[in-house]
């Protein structure tokens, strides 16, 4: 994926005349944004304005607007013609909500129309680059008075831009005013006046990741001239009244007292920040009890383990995990122990000997009339998980990018679900009944059978006519993590990754945290600790995802989230429930 960096704030060009400049191109009309008609072939464009001052600001009457790139100009419809709002609560007045082809907008014009009092043009402090696949973008303009008396008009004093996030909240900040904003999950964000030199649009996404506090992604990531504050409330989780079992999430040992006092943070925590960034639950977690750390649990003198492997492999901790695996009513144990330890991952262990465990690879076929094999609908992992359980993304595919609904693709490698072949390692992905000798390269294959408690089968294969006799589920990858129980991968490619492995009576799922990065080589030791026979690296980057009892524990952040939302659309995942 291409990296999109927001350019430094440049000098503002302000045309203070009462009339807007002539347009470099004949404006093309833009349709209004309608959610049900939108796809990622077309972007969403929002334009908002606010008063630059509070001094006797009258009603602002806005006529036409034209926006231009280096090659085209566009004329959106105006949703409102008047505003006098300032940004003290992070809001501005929305005046345009349109659909637009993917463009690089550099300048905005306010037309002087009869009855209006806003005119002029201005270049954006950074161009708005809405590329294919991204949800959209927005422009924020501050307006200030020019002239006096009957000739008084209002013109743009600053124009900035940011990308739009499907599930984000846009916060409009003018350094002339302090701003206080209330967000989801009881989050409160306060910016003092003068925290930046120029106005800014912050897009904030707040997510429940199953921790004490929500995660908060404040984008763009910038250094503040004055400290801001962010407060969050601890998420109160009600005990589910259900006859269904639940995934057992184990708190990390070595961080509880011997008297079993839990580490509980205050109900609300307020912190100062000097930059905007991705903020995890751990940022807010504070102790209000005295903690006596259990000795000899793989911790350093500072009370923090050096690596995830060191933490997991300590005999005391291994006993805790094995006891949990045996006692969990669901047969599934979630280990969030390594979120803050390299390689920064979530781990789920599945007891395949548990009588209620079900292992499925759900998919939805879309018949392609132009080929002799099936197209598969791309869906978010969270939308196809049953009431409870755990799920992880699968391997790669060919086809649409997975940026939104109504997209499809062809799984790569070998894939079998409920005994049905979905992919047989043909070039371009998918399954071909009459495949020729061509193939998509060597794959490490993992197979499970009708009796999940049987040892899994592992093999290396490339021919499209390869089958694993009697296998009910088969997944594969072009990159191994572990082979033959003791041969670790030498692949050091670093990204967000998911991986799956198995051994006698168990399966193990691993997926990077929202801000974690790792490699197949680094993940290997996690699987060897538990005695896996083999492990595969699944898809990574924006595809890496894990769902635990309907909570997405590692949602996307930063630029990934502006393109894919909290999670990417994928053709299949590995699901474990009861």
Foldseek 3Di string as FASTA:
>chain_A
DDDDDFDPQDDKDWDPDQFADDDPADAAEFAADDPVPDDLQKAKEWEFEEALDDPPQDWAFFDWKWWDDPVHIHTYAFPDGTDHHDQQAQDTGITGITIGGFGWTFKMFTGDDPPGQEGIMMTASTTDGRDGLFHHKYKYWYWYWDDDDPNIGIYTPHMYMDFDFPQWDKGKDALQAWHWYADPQRKIKTGHRQQDPGIDIWIWHWFCQPDQWIKIATPDKDFTPDKIKMKHFGDDDDDDPDPFFFAAEDDQAQFAAPVRDDFAAPRMFMDIDRIGGIGHPVVRRDGPDDGDGDPQQQADPVSHHAAPLSNCLRPVNVVVVVVCCVPRPWQKYKYCPGCPGPQRKIKMKGQLQRPPKDKFKDWAWDDDPVDQFTKTWFAFPLVPAPQFFKWWAFADWAWDPQQDGPTTTADADWWAGQNRTFFQFAPRHTADPDDDQHGNDKKWKWFAAPRNQDFIDIDIDTGSPDDDPRTNTMGIAPFWQDAQLPDGGPWWDKFWWWKKFAGRRMIMIMTHAQPGITTSRRCNSVCSSVRTNTMHIHDGHLATWMAGSSRTNHFHHDPSSSSRNRGGTGRIMITMGD
